[in-house]
C-alpha atoms as a PDB file:
ATOM      1  CA  MET A   1      33.009   8.275  20.218  1.00  0.00           C
ATOM      2  CA  ARG A   2      30.309   6.000  19.938  1.00  0.00           C
ATOM      3  CA  LEU A   3      27.580   8.151  18.983  1.00  0.00           C
ATOM      4  CA  THR A   4      26.102   7.225  22.742  1.00  0.00           C
ATOM      5  CA  GLU A   5      29.110   8.415  24.632  1.00  0.00           C
ATOM      6  CA  ALA A   6      28.574  12.164  22.999  1.00  0.00           C
ATOM      7  CA  ARG A   7      25.695  13.409  24.994  1.00  0.00           C
ATOM      8  CA  ALA A   8      28.353  12.172  28.131  1.00  0.00           C
ATOM      9  CA  ALA A   9      31.019  13.876  26.238  1.00  0.00           C
ATOM     10  CA  PHE A  10      29.693  17.072  25.846  1.00  0.00           C
ATOM     11  CA  ASP A  11      28.148  17.812  29.660  1.00  0.00           C
ATOM     12  CA  ARG A  12      32.508  17.610  30.583  1.00  0.00           C
ATOM     13  CA  ARG A  13      33.455  19.718  27.415  1.00  0.00           C
ATOM     14  CA  ILE A  14      31.994  22.427  27.200  1.00  0.00           C
ATOM     15  CA  ALA A  15      30.775  25.162  29.697  1.00  0.00           C
ATOM     16  CA  PHE A  16      26.534  25.519  28.489  1.00  0.00           C
ATOM     17  CA  PRO A  17      25.646  27.419  27.403  1.00  0.00           C
ATOM     18  CA  ALA A  18      27.517  27.428  23.798  1.00  0.00           C
ATOM     19  CA  ASP A  19      27.527  29.162  21.027  1.00  0.00           C
ATOM     20  CA  ARG A  20      28.466  26.684  17.830  1.00  0.00           C
ATOM     21  CA  ASP A  21      32.014  28.145  17.660  1.00  0.00           C
ATOM     22  CA  ALA A  22      32.913  27.079  21.220  1.00  0.00           C
ATOM     23  CA  VAL A  23      31.577  23.684  20.337  1.00  0.00           C
ATOM     24  CA  LEU A  24      33.270  23.602  17.380  1.00  0.00           C
ATOM     25  CA  GLU A  25      36.903  24.531  19.142  1.00  0.00           C
ATOM     26  CA  ALA A  26      36.191  22.218  21.807  1.00  0.00           C
ATOM     27  CA  VAL A  27      34.550  18.514  20.048  1.00  0.00           C
ATOM     28  CA  GLY A  28      34.531  19.636  16.473  1.00  0.00           C
ATOM     29  CA  ASP A  29      37.753  17.736  15.706  1.00  0.00           C
ATOM     30  CA  GLU A  30      36.091  14.541  17.962  1.00  0.00           C
ATOM     31  CA  ARG A  31      35.568  11.137  15.502  1.00  0.00           C
ATOM     32  CA  LEU A  32      31.662   9.460  15.849  1.00  0.00           C
ATOM     33  CA  GLU A  33      32.060   6.192  15.492  1.00  0.00           C
ATOM     34  CA  ALA A  34      29.583   4.779  12.452  1.00  0.00           C
ATOM     35  CA  PRO A  35      27.806   1.800  13.532  1.00  0.00           C
ATOM     36  CA  ASN A  36      26.913   0.330   9.917  1.00  0.00           C
ATOM     37  CA  GLY A  37      29.097   2.951   7.737  1.00  0.00           C
ATOM     38  CA  ASP A  38      31.550   5.412   7.444  1.00  0.00           C
ATOM     39  CA  ASP A  39      32.183   7.149  10.558  1.00  0.00           C
ATOM     40  CA  THR A  40      32.274  11.065  10.330  1.00  0.00           C
ATOM     41  CA  THR A  41      33.357  14.277  12.807  1.00  0.00           C
ATOM     42  CA  VAL A  42      31.184  16.419  14.856  1.00  0.00           C
ATOM     43  CA  ALA A  43      31.521  19.314  12.682  1.00  0.00           C
ATOM     44  CA  ALA A  44      30.242  17.312  10.103  1.00  0.00           C
ATOM     45  CA  VAL A  45      26.956  16.781  11.450  1.00  0.00           C
ATOM     46  CA  LEU A  46      26.772  19.995  12.728  1.00  0.00           C
ATOM     47  CA  GLU A  47      27.609  21.798   9.061  1.00  0.00           C
ATOM     48  CA  ARG A  48      24.402  20.137   7.993  1.00  0.00           C
ATOM     49  CA  ALA A  49      22.256  22.125  11.376  1.00  0.00           C
ATOM     50  CA  ASP A  50      21.044  25.128  11.229  1.00  0.00           C
ATOM     51  CA  ALA A  51      21.824  25.913  15.066  1.00  0.00           C
ATOM     52  CA  THR A  52      23.770  28.711  15.922  1.00  0.00           C
ATOM     53  CA  ALA A  53      23.528  28.028  19.723  1.00  0.00           C
ATOM     54  CA  PHE A  54      23.173  25.565  22.342  1.00  0.00           C
ATOM     55  CA  ASP A  55      21.743  25.721  26.005  1.00  0.00           C
ATOM     56  CA  SER A  56      22.140  22.269  27.367  1.00  0.00           C
ATOM     57  CA  ALA A  57      24.452  19.688  26.277  1.00  0.00           C
ATOM     58  CA  ASP A  58      20.817  18.067  26.076  1.00  0.00           C
ATOM     59  CA  GLU A  59      20.243  19.818  22.975  1.00  0.00           C
ATOM     60  CA  LEU A  60      23.429  19.588  21.245  1.00  0.00           C
ATOM     61  CA  TYR A  61      22.745  15.569  21.480  1.00  0.00           C
ATOM     62  CA  ASP A  62      19.978  16.156  20.266  1.00  0.00           C
ATOM     63  CA  THR A  63      20.753  18.459  17.316  1.00  0.00           C
ATOM     64  CA  LEU A  64      23.499  16.240  16.942  1.00  0.00           C
ATOM     65  CA  LEU A  65      21.008  12.659  16.283  1.00  0.00           C
ATOM     66  CA  GLY A  66      19.087  14.464  14.387  1.00  0.00           C
ATOM     67  CA  PHE A  67      21.360  15.477  11.397  1.00  0.00           C
ATOM     68  CA  VAL A  68      23.891  12.136  11.810  1.00  0.00           C
ATOM     69  CA  GLY A  69      23.795  10.092   8.137  1.00  0.00           C
ATOM     70  CA  ASP A  70      22.590   6.675   6.442  1.00  0.00           C
ATOM     71  CA  ALA A  71      25.767   5.474   8.632  1.00  0.00           C
ATOM     72  CA  PHE A  72      24.375   5.715  11.909  1.00  0.00           C
ATOM     73  CA  VAL A  73      20.870   4.109  11.591  1.00  0.00           C
ATOM     74  CA  GLY A  74      19.811   0.556  11.659  1.00  0.00           C
ATOM     75  CA  ARG A  75      17.889  -1.480   9.225  1.00  0.00           C
ATOM     76  CA  LYS A  76      16.193   0.613   6.941  1.00  0.00           C
ATOM     77  CA  PHE A  77      13.069  -0.506   6.259  1.00  0.00           C
ATOM     78  CA  TYR A  78      12.899  -2.823   9.128  1.00  0.00           C
ATOM     79  CA  ASP A  79      10.058  -4.770  10.856  1.00  0.00           C
ATOM     80  CA  ASP A  80      10.314  -6.858  13.293  1.00  0.00           C
ATOM     81  CA  ARG A  81       6.258  -7.596  13.758  1.00  0.00           C
ATOM     82  CA  GLY A  82       5.695  -9.875  10.119  1.00  0.00           C
ATOM     83  CA  ASP A  83       3.856  -9.286   7.623  1.00  0.00           C
ATOM     84  CA  GLN A  84       0.037  -9.647   8.438  1.00  0.00           C
ATOM     85  CA  THR A  85      -1.606  -6.881   7.599  1.00  0.00           C
ATOM     86  CA  ALA A  86      -5.059  -7.725   8.915  1.00  0.00           C
ATOM     87  CA  VAL A  87      -6.438  -9.255  11.460  1.00  0.00           C
ATOM     88  CA  ASP A  88      -8.422 -13.028  11.488  1.00  0.00           C
ATOM     89  CA  THR A  89     -11.522 -12.520  13.102  1.00  0.00           C
ATOM     90  CA  GLU A  90     -12.493 -15.616  12.595  1.00  0.00           C
ATOM     91  CA  GLN A  91     -13.126 -18.176  15.421  1.00  0.00           C
ATOM     92  CA  GLN A  92     -11.891 -21.452  15.300  1.00  0.00           C
ATOM     93  CA  SER A  93     -13.639 -24.922  17.228  1.00  0.00           C
ATOM     94  CA  PHE A  94     -11.380 -27.318  17.878  1.00  0.00           C
END
Protein backbone atom coordinates (compact mmCIF):
# COMPACT_ATOMS: atom_id res chain seq x y z
CA MET A 1 0.00 0.00 0.00
CA ARG A 2 1.07 3.58 -0.48
CA LEU A 3 1.94 5.57 2.61
CA THR A 4 -0.96 7.91 1.92
CA GLU A 5 -3.36 4.95 2.22
CA ALA A 6 -1.96 3.69 5.52
CA ARG A 7 -4.01 5.87 7.89
CA ALA A 8 -7.33 4.72 6.41
CA ALA A 9 -6.14 1.09 6.48
CA PHE A 10 -5.19 1.41 10.15
CA ASP A 11 -8.61 2.85 10.94
CA ARG A 12 -10.38 -0.04 9.16
CA ARG A 13 -8.27 -2.93 10.39
CA ILE A 14 -7.25 -2.08 13.97
CA ALA A 15 -9.40 -1.52 17.06
CA PHE A 16 -7.93 1.41 18.97
CA PRO A 17 -6.46 1.85 21.50
CA ALA A 18 -4.05 -0.89 20.45
CA ASP A 19 -0.72 -2.09 21.71
CA ARG A 20 2.28 -2.69 19.48
CA ASP A 21 1.67 -6.46 19.27
CA ALA A 22 -1.92 -5.97 18.08
CA VAL A 23 -0.76 -3.52 15.42
CA LEU A 24 1.96 -5.88 14.21
CA GLU A 25 -0.48 -8.78 14.07
CA ALA A 26 -3.04 -6.76 12.08
CA VAL A 27 -0.81 -4.82 9.65
CA GLY A 28 2.83 -5.66 10.41
CA ASP A 29 3.35 -7.55 7.16
CA GLU A 30 1.77 -4.82 5.02
CA ARG A 31 4.22 -3.64 2.40
CA LEU A 32 4.65 0.13 2.12
CA GLU A 33 5.47 1.24 -1.41
CA ALA A 34 8.34 3.73 -1.41
CA PRO A 35 8.29 6.25 -4.26
CA ASN A 36 12.08 6.71 -4.23
CA GLY A 37 13.65 3.39 -3.35
CA ASP A 38 13.12 0.09 -1.63
CA ASP A 39 9.73 -0.81 -0.20
CA THR A 40 9.44 -1.74 3.47
CA THR A 41 6.87 -3.15 5.87
CA VAL A 42 4.93 -1.54 8.70
CA ALA A 43 6.76 -3.85 11.11
CA ALA A 44 10.18 -2.75 9.85
CA VAL A 45 9.27 0.91 10.34
CA LEU A 46 7.79 0.40 13.80
CA GLU A 47 10.92 -1.51 14.81
CA ARG A 48 12.73 1.86 14.83
CA ALA A 49 10.09 3.50 17.06
CA ASP A 50 9.91 3.35 20.85
CA ALA A 51 6.10 3.53 20.99
CA THR A 52 4.41 0.55 22.62
CA ALA A 53 0.76 1.64 22.35
CA PHE A 54 -1.36 3.75 20.05
CA ASP A 55 -4.56 5.55 21.02
CA SER A 56 -5.78 6.14 17.47
CA ALA A 57 -5.09 5.55 13.79
CA ASP A 58 -3.79 9.11 13.62
CA GLU A 59 -1.22 8.45 16.34
CA LEU A 60 -0.04 5.26 14.62
CA TYR A 61 0.15 7.04 11.26
CA ASP A 62 2.11 9.95 12.75
CA THR A 63 4.55 7.50 14.31
CA LEU A 64 4.93 5.74 10.98
CA LEU A 65 5.62 9.04 9.20
CA GLY A 66 8.31 9.89 11.72
CA PHE A 67 10.24 6.68 11.16
CA VAL A 68 10.01 5.88 7.44
CA GLY A 69 13.34 6.00 5.65
CA ASP A 70 14.81 8.28 3.02
CA ALA A 71 13.05 6.32 0.27
CA PHE A 72 9.80 8.03 1.34
CA VAL A 73 11.23 11.56 1.31
CA GLY A 74 10.98 13.76 -1.76
CA ARG A 75 14.02 15.37 -3.31
CA LYS A 76 16.31 16.17 -0.42
CA PHE A 77 17.60 19.72 -0.11
CA TYR A 78 15.35 20.85 -2.98
CA ASP A 79 14.30 24.48 -2.82
CA ASP A 80 11.96 25.85 -5.44
CA ARG A 81 12.39 29.40 -4.19
CA GLY A 82 15.54 29.97 -6.20
CA ASP A 83 18.96 30.86 -4.96
CA GLN A 84 18.36 34.50 -4.11
CA THR A 85 19.74 35.17 -0.67
CA ALA A 86 19.54 38.95 -0.59
CA VAL A 87 16.76 41.33 -1.53
CA ASP A 88 17.57 44.14 -3.94
CA THR A 89 16.17 47.27 -2.31
CA GLU A 90 17.45 49.71 -4.91
CA GLN A 91 14.61 51.17 -6.94
CA GLN A 92 14.93 51.73 -10.62
CA SER A 93 13.05 54.26 -12.70
CA PHE A 94 12.12 53.50 -16.27
